[in-house]
Every structure is written in structure tokens, then in C-alpha cells.
Amino acid sequence: MAKKPDPKAPRKRAARPTARPTSDEEALFRAAMADAKPIERRNPVAEDPAQPAQQPTTAKPAKTALPVAARAPVQPRNPPKSVLEAGKPADLDRRTMDKLRKGKMRPEGRLDLHGMTADRALSALNAFLADRQAAGKRCVLVITGKGSLKEGGGVIRREFPSWLDAPGNRSRVLGFAGAQPADGGGGAFYVLLKRRRT
């Protein structure tokens, strides 16, 4: 009786025929490959018969670049300071600005620019702020004058905020606000200076 094959037993591979191609087959192969060119290697390495053949190294997968939105934003080293506006807290808290606006921080210096030319007023303001800060003063009063209401106020009053925002003064000033009537009202401003660095 014939023995049944075991289904769990590993199957044996059929032996491949080792027959050589005939001369017609070789001629047909050569004709088919007549126009073929060999592929050039990117990094050709001279083979030394004395050296063993090296295994090809597998390249590490390239890191995929993150989309622009996923990248962390680059913070500037010195972020631009906010623009100074009368009565609005820029570099100081709202409570301190409220005290400045209400005149609760009394001026420790006074400069009257009323009647000066714009150039002379700017020079006087720059020198005054530098001197008062160097003396350790915090709150000062600057009188600009109201000017003509039809023209939107005098030149000095209109230019005053931009003068405080100029690079030399901006590093000294924390904020400013319109003065109380007793200190000049609409024609004067309280200016709060930064503490002098020691």
C-alpha cells in the first residue's frame, strides 16, 4: 500500500534544470542586448581582488522637513517696543498709568517748550530727559502749549509723541499722559522715566 505524504512535512523544491542555452538562444540574447548600455555607478570603487567584497551600506532615510506652520517661530533678540501713545500703557502696567494720568505721581522736574521753534524744543527735550534720568528722577512735566485748535494743535504738541518715540528718548521713557488742569491741562504732559541703571 502506498504511503500518504505528511501535509506538515516541508516540501522539497524541484531541482532546476542545469542545461546550457543552445547556440541559437545565445545568438538571440546577444541580438536583443546589442543596443543596451551598462549602468554607470554613482561612486565607482576600484575593486581589488585581494580585498573581500564589501556589503552595500543602506542609506538612512532622509528627515522630512516640517511644514512652515509646524516650525517654531524665531523670536527676535530685541523685540520692537510698542509705540507710545498718551494715556495708554505701553511699557508699564495699567495701574501705574492710571496714577500718572490722575496726577498722583508728582513731577520731579519741569520743562517749558512753549514758544520755542521745533528744532530748539526737540534739543531741549532730549537734554532735559537725559539729565532728569541721570539724576534718578522718575516723573517729569513737559509743557508744550496747546497751539491753534484749528490746526490740530501747535507743532510742538503734535510732534511731542514722535519725539518721545525717537531712539534716544524711547530707551528712557516708559509712558506719558496728558496733565491735570492744575499742571497745564491740554498743553502739558506727564512723562514717566525708566529707572537709571546702576
N, C-alpha and C. Protein backbone atom coordinates (compact mmCIF):
# COMPACT_ATOMS: atom_id res chain seq x y z
N MET A 1 0.85 -1.17 0.00
CA MET A 1 0.00 0.00 0.00
C MET A 1 0.90 1.25 0.00
N ALA A 2 0.54 2.26 -0.82
CA ALA A 2 1.37 3.47 -0.98
C ALA A 2 1.23 4.36 0.26
N LYS A 3 2.35 4.92 0.69
CA LYS A 3 2.39 5.78 1.87
C LYS A 3 1.91 7.19 1.51
N LYS A 4 0.97 7.73 2.33
CA LYS A 4 0.45 9.06 2.07
C LYS A 4 1.47 10.11 2.53
N PRO A 5 1.63 11.17 1.76
CA PRO A 5 2.58 12.22 2.17
C PRO A 5 2.07 12.98 3.39
N ASP A 6 2.99 13.34 4.29
CA ASP A 6 2.64 14.08 5.50
C ASP A 6 2.43 15.55 5.12
N PRO A 7 1.22 16.11 5.38
CA PRO A 7 0.96 17.51 4.97
C PRO A 7 1.84 18.51 5.72
N LYS A 8 2.32 18.17 6.96
CA LYS A 8 3.13 19.08 7.76
C LYS A 8 4.60 19.05 7.37
N ALA A 9 4.99 18.05 6.67
CA ALA A 9 6.41 17.94 6.30
C ALA A 9 6.77 18.99 5.26
N PRO A 10 7.99 19.58 5.36
CA PRO A 10 8.38 20.60 4.38
C PRO A 10 8.52 20.01 3.00
N ARG A 11 8.07 20.81 2.04
CA ARG A 11 8.12 20.33 0.65
C ARG A 11 9.52 20.54 0.09
N LYS A 12 9.93 19.63 -0.71
CA LYS A 12 11.22 19.74 -1.37
C LYS A 12 11.04 20.50 -2.66
N ARG A 13 12.02 21.43 -2.90
CA ARG A 13 11.97 22.19 -4.14
C ARG A 13 12.41 21.30 -5.30
N ALA A 14 11.72 21.54 -6.39
CA ALA A 14 12.10 20.79 -7.60
C ALA A 14 13.43 21.31 -8.11
N ALA A 15 14.28 20.45 -8.47
CA ALA A 15 15.61 20.83 -8.95
C ALA A 15 15.49 21.55 -10.29
N ARG A 16 16.25 22.69 -10.42
CA ARG A 16 16.21 23.45 -11.66
C ARG A 16 17.07 22.73 -12.70
N PRO A 17 16.62 22.80 -13.91
CA PRO A 17 17.43 22.17 -14.96
C PRO A 17 18.73 22.94 -15.15
N THR A 18 19.83 22.27 -15.27
CA THR A 18 21.15 22.90 -15.42
C THR A 18 21.60 22.90 -16.86
N ALA A 19 20.65 22.77 -17.76
CA ALA A 19 21.02 22.71 -19.18
C ALA A 19 21.53 24.06 -19.64
N ARG A 20 22.56 24.07 -20.46
CA ARG A 20 23.14 25.29 -21.01
C ARG A 20 22.29 25.76 -22.18
N PRO A 21 22.25 27.10 -22.45
CA PRO A 21 21.48 27.56 -23.61
C PRO A 21 22.14 27.12 -24.91
N THR A 22 21.32 26.92 -25.86
CA THR A 22 21.83 26.49 -27.18
C THR A 22 22.49 27.67 -27.87
N SER A 23 23.19 27.40 -28.93
CA SER A 23 23.86 28.48 -29.68
C SER A 23 22.85 29.44 -30.29
N ASP A 24 21.67 28.94 -30.69
CA ASP A 24 20.63 29.82 -31.23
C ASP A 24 20.10 30.76 -30.13
N GLU A 25 19.93 30.22 -28.91
CA GLU A 25 19.45 31.04 -27.81
C GLU A 25 20.46 32.13 -27.45
N GLU A 26 21.74 31.78 -27.47
CA GLU A 26 22.79 32.76 -27.16
C GLU A 26 22.82 33.86 -28.22
N ALA A 27 22.66 33.51 -29.47
CA ALA A 27 22.67 34.48 -30.56
C ALA A 27 21.48 35.42 -30.45
N LEU A 28 20.32 34.86 -30.09
CA LEU A 28 19.11 35.66 -29.92
C LEU A 28 19.27 36.64 -28.76
N PHE A 29 19.88 36.18 -27.66
CA PHE A 29 20.12 37.04 -26.50
C PHE A 29 21.07 38.18 -26.85
N ARG A 30 22.15 37.88 -27.54
CA ARG A 30 23.12 38.92 -27.94
C ARG A 30 22.48 39.95 -28.86
N ALA A 31 21.62 39.50 -29.77
CA ALA A 31 20.95 40.42 -30.69
C ALA A 31 20.02 41.36 -29.92
N ALA A 32 19.33 40.81 -28.92
CA ALA A 32 18.40 41.61 -28.12
C ALA A 32 19.15 42.64 -27.27
N MET A 33 20.35 42.33 -26.83
CA MET A 33 21.12 43.22 -25.95
C MET A 33 22.14 44.08 -26.69
N ALA A 34 22.11 44.09 -27.99
CA ALA A 34 23.11 44.82 -28.78
C ALA A 34 23.08 46.32 -28.50
N ASP A 35 21.89 46.91 -28.31
CA ASP A 35 21.77 48.35 -28.09
C ASP A 35 21.86 48.75 -26.62
N ALA A 36 21.90 47.79 -25.72
CA ALA A 36 21.91 48.09 -24.28
C ALA A 36 23.26 48.66 -23.85
N LYS A 37 23.20 49.67 -22.93
CA LYS A 37 24.43 50.26 -22.39
C LYS A 37 24.51 49.92 -20.90
N PRO A 38 25.70 49.70 -20.40
CA PRO A 38 25.82 49.37 -18.97
C PRO A 38 25.49 50.59 -18.10
N ILE A 39 24.92 50.37 -16.93
CA ILE A 39 24.56 51.44 -15.99
C ILE A 39 25.82 51.88 -15.26
N GLU A 40 26.05 53.21 -15.24
CA GLU A 40 27.24 53.73 -14.55
C GLU A 40 26.95 53.84 -13.06
N ARG A 41 27.96 53.48 -12.27
CA ARG A 41 27.83 53.61 -10.82
C ARG A 41 28.04 55.06 -10.43
N ARG A 42 27.32 55.50 -9.37
CA ARG A 42 27.49 56.88 -8.90
C ARG A 42 28.85 57.06 -8.24
N ASN A 43 29.23 56.12 -7.40
CA ASN A 43 30.51 56.17 -6.71
C ASN A 43 31.30 54.91 -7.07
N PRO A 44 31.91 54.92 -8.24
CA PRO A 44 32.63 53.72 -8.63
C PRO A 44 33.82 53.48 -7.72
N VAL A 45 33.96 52.25 -7.27
CA VAL A 45 35.06 51.86 -6.40
C VAL A 45 35.90 50.83 -7.14
N ALA A 46 37.19 51.10 -7.20
CA ALA A 46 38.08 50.14 -7.88
C ALA A 46 38.13 48.88 -7.06
N GLU A 47 37.83 47.78 -7.70
CA GLU A 47 37.81 46.51 -6.99
C GLU A 47 39.20 45.92 -6.96
N ASP A 48 39.62 45.57 -5.75
CA ASP A 48 40.91 44.93 -5.55
C ASP A 48 40.64 43.46 -5.31
N PRO A 49 41.17 42.60 -6.13
CA PRO A 49 40.89 41.18 -5.94
C PRO A 49 41.37 40.66 -4.60
N ALA A 50 42.36 41.34 -3.98
CA ALA A 50 42.87 40.86 -2.70
C ALA A 50 41.91 41.20 -1.57
N GLN A 51 41.09 42.27 -1.76
CA GLN A 51 40.16 42.71 -0.72
C GLN A 51 38.83 41.98 -0.87
N PRO A 52 38.20 41.61 0.25
CA PRO A 52 36.88 40.97 0.16
C PRO A 52 35.84 41.99 -0.29
N ALA A 53 34.83 41.54 -0.97
CA ALA A 53 33.77 42.41 -1.46
C ALA A 53 33.02 43.01 -0.29
N GLN A 54 32.78 44.32 -0.35
CA GLN A 54 32.08 44.99 0.74
C GLN A 54 30.58 44.94 0.49
N GLN A 55 29.87 44.81 1.59
CA GLN A 55 28.40 44.80 1.51
C GLN A 55 27.92 46.23 1.29
N PRO A 56 26.95 46.43 0.43
CA PRO A 56 26.43 47.80 0.23
C PRO A 56 25.80 48.32 1.52
N THR A 57 26.11 49.57 1.85
CA THR A 57 25.54 50.17 3.06
C THR A 57 24.16 50.70 2.75
N THR A 58 23.28 50.52 3.69
CA THR A 58 21.92 51.02 3.49
C THR A 58 21.89 52.46 3.96
N ALA A 59 21.38 53.34 3.12
CA ALA A 59 21.32 54.77 3.45
C ALA A 59 20.21 55.00 4.45
N LYS A 60 20.47 55.92 5.41
CA LYS A 60 19.45 56.27 6.39
C LYS A 60 18.36 57.08 5.70
N PRO A 61 17.12 56.86 6.07
CA PRO A 61 16.06 57.64 5.44
C PRO A 61 16.23 59.13 5.74
N ALA A 62 16.03 59.93 4.72
CA ALA A 62 16.19 61.38 4.88
C ALA A 62 15.09 61.92 5.78
N LYS A 63 15.46 62.89 6.62
CA LYS A 63 14.47 63.50 7.50
C LYS A 63 13.56 64.40 6.67
N THR A 64 12.28 64.21 6.85
CA THR A 64 11.34 65.05 6.10
C THR A 64 11.24 66.40 6.78
N ALA A 65 11.29 67.46 6.00
CA ALA A 65 11.22 68.82 6.54
C ALA A 65 9.82 69.10 7.05
N LEU A 66 9.74 69.77 8.20
CA LEU A 66 8.44 70.13 8.74
C LEU A 66 7.83 71.25 7.90
N PRO A 67 6.52 71.25 7.76
CA PRO A 67 5.91 72.38 7.06
C PRO A 67 6.18 73.67 7.82
N VAL A 68 6.14 74.78 7.11
CA VAL A 68 6.49 76.07 7.70
C VAL A 68 5.65 76.36 8.93
N ALA A 69 4.36 76.01 8.89
CA ALA A 69 3.46 76.31 10.01
C ALA A 69 3.85 75.53 11.26
N ALA A 70 4.47 74.33 11.09
CA ALA A 70 4.80 73.49 12.23
C ALA A 70 6.11 73.90 12.89
N ARG A 71 6.94 74.68 12.21
CA ARG A 71 8.21 75.10 12.79
C ARG A 71 7.97 76.14 13.86
N ALA A 72 8.83 76.11 14.89
CA ALA A 72 8.71 77.09 15.97
C ALA A 72 9.11 78.46 15.45
N PRO A 73 8.33 79.49 15.76
CA PRO A 73 8.69 80.83 15.27
C PRO A 73 9.97 81.31 15.92
N VAL A 74 10.78 81.99 15.15
CA VAL A 74 12.04 82.52 15.67
C VAL A 74 11.75 83.84 16.36
N GLN A 75 12.13 83.89 17.63
CA GLN A 75 11.90 85.11 18.39
C GLN A 75 13.06 86.07 18.18
N PRO A 76 12.78 87.32 17.85
CA PRO A 76 13.87 88.27 17.72
C PRO A 76 14.53 88.52 19.06
N ARG A 77 15.84 88.79 19.05
CA ARG A 77 16.56 89.02 20.30
C ARG A 77 16.04 90.24 21.03
N ASN A 78 15.82 91.32 20.32
CA ASN A 78 15.27 92.54 20.91
C ASN A 78 13.96 92.88 20.21
N PRO A 79 12.83 92.37 20.72
CA PRO A 79 11.56 92.64 20.04
C PRO A 79 11.27 94.13 20.01
N PRO A 80 10.67 94.62 18.92
CA PRO A 80 10.39 96.05 18.83
C PRO A 80 9.44 96.50 19.93
N LYS A 81 9.72 97.68 20.49
CA LYS A 81 8.87 98.18 21.57
C LYS A 81 7.61 98.77 20.96
N SER A 82 6.52 98.75 21.75
CA SER A 82 5.26 99.29 21.27
C SER A 82 5.36 100.81 21.19
N VAL A 83 4.56 101.39 20.30
CA VAL A 83 4.56 102.83 20.09
C VAL A 83 3.92 103.51 21.29
N LEU A 84 4.54 104.58 21.75
CA LEU A 84 4.00 105.34 22.88
C LEU A 84 2.80 106.17 22.43
N GLU A 85 1.73 106.11 23.21
CA GLU A 85 0.55 106.94 22.99
C GLU A 85 0.14 107.54 24.32
N ALA A 86 -0.31 108.77 24.28
CA ALA A 86 -0.69 109.47 25.51
C ALA A 86 -1.78 108.71 26.26
N GLY A 87 -1.51 108.42 27.54
CA GLY A 87 -2.50 107.78 28.40
C GLY A 87 -2.67 106.29 28.22
N LYS A 88 -1.91 105.68 27.30
CA LYS A 88 -2.05 104.23 27.07
C LYS A 88 -0.81 103.51 27.58
N PRO A 89 -1.03 102.43 28.37
CA PRO A 89 0.13 101.72 28.91
C PRO A 89 0.87 100.94 27.82
N ALA A 90 2.12 101.29 27.60
CA ALA A 90 2.94 100.59 26.61
C ALA A 90 3.94 99.69 27.33
N ASP A 91 4.83 100.31 28.09
CA ASP A 91 5.84 99.55 28.82
C ASP A 91 5.59 99.53 30.32
N LEU A 92 4.38 99.90 30.73
CA LEU A 92 4.06 99.86 32.15
C LEU A 92 2.63 99.35 32.34
N ASP A 93 2.33 98.94 33.55
CA ASP A 93 1.01 98.35 33.82
C ASP A 93 -0.06 99.44 33.89
N ARG A 94 -1.30 99.00 33.75
CA ARG A 94 -2.44 99.92 33.71
C ARG A 94 -2.59 100.72 35.02
N ARG A 95 -2.30 100.10 36.13
CA ARG A 95 -2.43 100.79 37.43
C ARG A 95 -1.47 101.97 37.52
N THR A 96 -0.22 101.76 37.08
CA THR A 96 0.77 102.85 37.11
C THR A 96 0.36 103.95 36.15
N MET A 97 -0.15 103.57 34.97
CA MET A 97 -0.59 104.58 34.00
C MET A 97 -1.75 105.39 34.56
N ASP A 98 -2.67 104.74 35.26
CA ASP A 98 -3.80 105.45 35.88
C ASP A 98 -3.30 106.49 36.89
N LYS A 99 -2.31 106.11 37.68
CA LYS A 99 -1.74 107.04 38.67
C LYS A 99 -1.08 108.23 37.97
N LEU A 100 -0.41 107.95 36.84
CA LEU A 100 0.24 109.02 36.08
C LEU A 100 -0.80 109.97 35.50
N ARG A 101 -1.86 109.43 34.89
CA ARG A 101 -2.90 110.25 34.27
C ARG A 101 -3.63 111.13 35.29
N LYS A 102 -3.85 110.59 36.49
CA LYS A 102 -4.60 111.31 37.52
C LYS A 102 -3.73 112.30 38.30
N GLY A 103 -2.45 112.38 37.93
CA GLY A 103 -1.56 113.33 38.60
C GLY A 103 -1.13 112.88 39.98
N LYS A 104 -1.29 111.60 40.30
CA LYS A 104 -0.90 111.09 41.62
C LYS A 104 0.61 110.86 41.73
N MET A 105 1.28 110.85 40.59
CA MET A 105 2.74 110.78 40.59
C MET A 105 3.23 112.19 40.33
N ARG A 106 3.73 112.85 41.35
CA ARG A 106 4.07 114.26 41.24
C ARG A 106 5.37 114.48 40.47
N PRO A 107 5.39 115.46 39.56
CA PRO A 107 6.58 115.74 38.76
C PRO A 107 7.78 116.17 39.61
N GLU A 108 8.94 115.65 39.23
CA GLU A 108 10.21 115.99 39.91
C GLU A 108 11.09 116.85 39.01
N GLY A 109 10.49 117.42 38.00
CA GLY A 109 11.20 118.31 37.10
C GLY A 109 10.19 118.90 36.13
N ARG A 110 10.52 120.08 35.57
CA ARG A 110 9.56 120.77 34.70
C ARG A 110 10.32 121.42 33.55
N LEU A 111 9.80 121.24 32.33
CA LEU A 111 10.39 121.86 31.15
C LEU A 111 9.29 122.57 30.37
N ASP A 112 9.52 123.84 30.07
CA ASP A 112 8.54 124.61 29.31
C ASP A 112 9.07 124.83 27.89
N LEU A 113 8.42 124.17 26.91
CA LEU A 113 8.81 124.30 25.49
C LEU A 113 7.96 125.34 24.77
N HIS A 114 7.01 125.91 25.48
CA HIS A 114 6.07 126.85 24.89
C HIS A 114 6.80 128.05 24.28
N GLY A 115 6.54 128.35 22.99
CA GLY A 115 7.12 129.49 22.32
C GLY A 115 8.44 129.21 21.61
N MET A 116 8.99 127.99 21.75
CA MET A 116 10.26 127.65 21.08
C MET A 116 10.00 127.18 19.65
N THR A 117 11.04 127.24 18.82
CA THR A 117 10.94 126.60 17.49
C THR A 117 10.99 125.09 17.69
N ALA A 118 10.55 124.34 16.69
CA ALA A 118 10.51 122.88 16.81
C ALA A 118 11.91 122.30 17.03
N ASP A 119 12.91 122.79 16.29
CA ASP A 119 14.28 122.28 16.44
C ASP A 119 14.83 122.55 17.84
N ARG A 120 14.62 123.78 18.31
CA ARG A 120 15.13 124.13 19.64
C ARG A 120 14.39 123.34 20.72
N ALA A 121 13.08 123.13 20.54
CA ALA A 121 12.27 122.38 21.51
C ALA A 121 12.73 120.92 21.58
N LEU A 122 13.02 120.33 20.44
CA LEU A 122 13.48 118.94 20.41
C LEU A 122 14.82 118.80 21.13
N SER A 123 15.75 119.69 20.87
CA SER A 123 17.06 119.65 21.54
C SER A 123 16.91 119.81 23.04
N ALA A 124 16.04 120.73 23.45
CA ALA A 124 15.83 120.97 24.88
C ALA A 124 15.19 119.76 25.55
N LEU A 125 14.24 119.14 24.86
CA LEU A 125 13.58 117.94 25.41
C LEU A 125 14.57 116.80 25.59
N ASN A 126 15.40 116.55 24.57
CA ASN A 126 16.38 115.46 24.64
C ASN A 126 17.33 115.65 25.82
N ALA A 127 17.85 116.86 25.96
CA ALA A 127 18.79 117.15 27.05
C ALA A 127 18.10 117.04 28.41
N PHE A 128 16.87 117.53 28.50
CA PHE A 128 16.12 117.51 29.76
C PHE A 128 15.86 116.07 30.23
N LEU A 129 15.37 115.22 29.33
CA LEU A 129 15.06 113.83 29.70
C LEU A 129 16.33 113.07 30.12
N ALA A 130 17.43 113.29 29.39
CA ALA A 130 18.69 112.62 29.73
C ALA A 130 19.18 113.08 31.11
N ASP A 131 19.08 114.38 31.39
CA ASP A 131 19.54 114.94 32.66
C ASP A 131 18.69 114.45 33.83
N ARG A 132 17.36 114.45 33.66
CA ARG A 132 16.46 114.03 34.74
C ARG A 132 16.62 112.54 35.05
N GLN A 133 16.80 111.72 34.01
CA GLN A 133 17.00 110.30 34.26
C GLN A 133 18.34 110.06 34.96
N ALA A 134 19.38 110.76 34.53
CA ALA A 134 20.70 110.62 35.16
C ALA A 134 20.64 111.03 36.63
N ALA A 135 19.75 111.96 36.96
CA ALA A 135 19.60 112.42 38.35
C ALA A 135 18.70 111.48 39.16
N GLY A 136 18.18 110.41 38.52
CA GLY A 136 17.36 109.43 39.22
C GLY A 136 15.91 109.82 39.37
N LYS A 137 15.46 110.83 38.61
CA LYS A 137 14.07 111.27 38.69
C LYS A 137 13.19 110.35 37.84
N ARG A 138 11.92 110.22 38.26
CA ARG A 138 11.01 109.30 37.55
C ARG A 138 9.94 110.05 36.76
N CYS A 139 9.23 110.99 37.38
CA CYS A 139 8.13 111.69 36.71
C CYS A 139 8.51 113.15 36.49
N VAL A 140 8.30 113.58 35.22
CA VAL A 140 8.59 114.98 34.89
C VAL A 140 7.39 115.57 34.15
N LEU A 141 7.31 116.91 34.15
CA LEU A 141 6.24 117.61 33.46
C LEU A 141 6.84 118.39 32.30
N VAL A 142 6.26 118.19 31.09
CA VAL A 142 6.72 118.92 29.91
C VAL A 142 5.55 119.74 29.38
N ILE A 143 5.77 121.06 29.29
CA ILE A 143 4.73 121.97 28.80
C ILE A 143 5.00 122.23 27.32
N THR A 144 4.04 121.84 26.47
CA THR A 144 4.18 122.01 25.02
C THR A 144 3.38 123.20 24.51
N GLY A 145 2.36 123.64 25.26
CA GLY A 145 1.42 124.65 24.77
C GLY A 145 0.35 123.97 23.93
N LYS A 146 -0.80 124.58 23.86
CA LYS A 146 -1.91 123.98 23.11
C LYS A 146 -1.83 124.28 21.63
N GLY A 147 -1.40 125.45 21.26
CA GLY A 147 -1.37 125.82 19.85
C GLY A 147 -2.77 126.10 19.34
N SER A 148 -2.87 126.27 18.03
CA SER A 148 -4.15 126.58 17.40
C SER A 148 -4.99 125.32 17.28
N LEU A 149 -6.20 125.36 17.82
CA LEU A 149 -7.10 124.20 17.74
C LEU A 149 -7.53 123.94 16.30
N LYS A 150 -7.60 125.01 15.47
CA LYS A 150 -7.98 124.85 14.06
C LYS A 150 -6.96 124.01 13.30
N GLU A 151 -5.71 124.13 13.69
CA GLU A 151 -4.64 123.39 13.00
C GLU A 151 -4.30 122.08 13.70
N GLY A 152 -5.15 121.67 14.64
CA GLY A 152 -4.92 120.42 15.36
C GLY A 152 -3.88 120.54 16.45
N GLY A 153 -3.67 121.75 16.94
CA GLY A 153 -2.68 121.99 17.98
C GLY A 153 -1.40 122.51 17.38
N GLY A 154 -0.53 123.00 18.25
CA GLY A 154 0.74 123.53 17.79
C GLY A 154 1.68 122.44 17.32
N VAL A 155 2.73 122.85 16.60
CA VAL A 155 3.71 121.90 16.05
C VAL A 155 4.37 121.09 17.16
N ILE A 156 4.77 121.74 18.23
CA ILE A 156 5.45 121.05 19.34
C ILE A 156 4.53 120.00 19.96
N ARG A 157 3.28 120.38 20.19
CA ARG A 157 2.32 119.43 20.79
C ARG A 157 2.07 118.23 19.87
N ARG A 158 1.96 118.51 18.55
CA ARG A 158 1.72 117.41 17.58
C ARG A 158 2.93 116.48 17.48
N GLU A 159 4.14 117.06 17.52
CA GLU A 159 5.35 116.27 17.35
C GLU A 159 5.82 115.58 18.62
N PHE A 160 5.31 116.02 19.76
CA PHE A 160 5.79 115.52 21.05
C PHE A 160 5.79 113.98 21.17
N PRO A 161 4.70 113.27 20.80
CA PRO A 161 4.73 111.80 20.89
C PRO A 161 5.84 111.16 20.05
N SER A 162 6.05 111.66 18.83
CA SER A 162 7.10 111.09 17.98
C SER A 162 8.49 111.41 18.52
N TRP A 163 8.65 112.53 19.19
CA TRP A 163 9.94 112.86 19.80
C TRP A 163 10.24 111.89 20.94
N LEU A 164 9.21 111.54 21.71
CA LEU A 164 9.42 110.56 22.79
C LEU A 164 9.73 109.17 22.23
N ASP A 165 9.17 108.88 21.04
CA ASP A 165 9.40 107.56 20.42
C ASP A 165 10.73 107.48 19.67
N ALA A 166 11.43 108.59 19.51
CA ALA A 166 12.72 108.58 18.81
C ALA A 166 13.70 107.71 19.60
N PRO A 167 14.64 107.03 18.90
CA PRO A 167 15.53 106.06 19.55
C PRO A 167 16.19 106.54 20.83
N GLY A 168 16.73 107.75 20.86
CA GLY A 168 17.41 108.23 22.07
C GLY A 168 16.49 108.35 23.26
N ASN A 169 15.28 108.87 23.05
CA ASN A 169 14.34 109.06 24.16
C ASN A 169 13.55 107.81 24.49
N ARG A 170 13.27 106.99 23.49
CA ARG A 170 12.44 105.79 23.73
C ARG A 170 13.07 104.85 24.75
N SER A 171 14.40 104.85 24.79
CA SER A 171 15.08 103.98 25.76
C SER A 171 14.97 104.53 27.19
N ARG A 172 14.52 105.77 27.34
CA ARG A 172 14.39 106.40 28.66
C ARG A 172 12.95 106.44 29.17
N VAL A 173 11.98 106.45 28.24
CA VAL A 173 10.58 106.73 28.58
C VAL A 173 9.75 105.45 28.69
N LEU A 174 8.98 105.35 29.78
CA LEU A 174 8.05 104.23 29.97
C LEU A 174 6.66 104.56 29.44
N GLY A 175 6.25 105.82 29.56
CA GLY A 175 4.93 106.23 29.10
C GLY A 175 4.72 107.70 29.39
N PHE A 176 3.62 108.24 28.84
CA PHE A 176 3.28 109.65 29.10
C PHE A 176 1.77 109.82 29.04
N ALA A 177 1.31 110.90 29.66
CA ALA A 177 -0.14 111.16 29.72
C ALA A 177 -0.38 112.66 29.82
N GLY A 178 -1.55 113.09 29.34
CA GLY A 178 -1.93 114.49 29.45
C GLY A 178 -2.02 114.92 30.91
N ALA A 179 -1.57 116.12 31.17
CA ALA A 179 -1.52 116.63 32.55
C ALA A 179 -2.90 117.04 33.05
N GLN A 180 -3.03 117.08 34.35
CA GLN A 180 -4.24 117.58 35.01
C GLN A 180 -4.31 119.11 34.84
N PRO A 181 -5.53 119.69 34.92
CA PRO A 181 -5.67 121.14 34.73
C PRO A 181 -4.74 121.97 35.61
N ALA A 182 -4.49 121.53 36.81
CA ALA A 182 -3.63 122.29 37.72
C ALA A 182 -2.18 122.33 37.24
N ASP A 183 -1.80 121.35 36.40
CA ASP A 183 -0.42 121.28 35.90
C ASP A 183 -0.29 121.70 34.44
N GLY A 184 -1.35 122.25 33.86
CA GLY A 184 -1.26 122.72 32.48
C GLY A 184 -2.30 122.13 31.55
N GLY A 185 -3.04 121.12 31.99
CA GLY A 185 -4.12 120.54 31.18
C GLY A 185 -3.67 120.08 29.81
N GLY A 186 -4.44 120.49 28.77
CA GLY A 186 -4.19 120.02 27.40
C GLY A 186 -2.90 120.52 26.78
N GLY A 187 -2.21 121.44 27.44
CA GLY A 187 -0.95 121.95 26.89
C GLY A 187 0.27 121.42 27.61
N ALA A 188 0.11 120.33 28.38
CA ALA A 188 1.24 119.78 29.12
C ALA A 188 1.09 118.26 29.28
N PHE A 189 2.21 117.60 29.54
CA PHE A 189 2.21 116.13 29.67
C PHE A 189 3.10 115.69 30.83
N TYR A 190 2.62 114.64 31.51
CA TYR A 190 3.47 113.94 32.48
C TYR A 190 4.25 112.89 31.69
N VAL A 191 5.53 112.76 31.98
CA VAL A 191 6.37 111.74 31.34
C VAL A 191 7.00 110.90 32.44
N LEU A 192 6.84 109.58 32.35
CA LEU A 192 7.43 108.67 33.33
C LEU A 192 8.71 108.07 32.75
N LEU A 193 9.81 108.28 33.46
CA LEU A 193 11.12 107.82 33.00
C LEU A 193 11.47 106.47 33.62
N LYS A 194 12.29 105.72 32.92
CA LYS A 194 12.80 104.45 33.44
C LYS A 194 13.82 104.74 34.54
N ARG A 195 13.94 103.79 35.45
CA ARG A 195 14.95 103.94 36.48
C ARG A 195 16.33 103.87 35.86
N ARG A 196 17.24 104.67 36.37
CA ARG A 196 18.60 104.67 35.86
C ARG A 196 19.29 103.39 36.27
N ARG A 197 19.97 102.73 35.32
CA ARG A 197 20.71 101.51 35.63
C ARG A 197 22.00 101.86 36.34
N THR A 198 22.27 101.14 37.42
CA THR A 198 23.49 101.41 38.20
C THR A 198 24.54 100.35 37.90
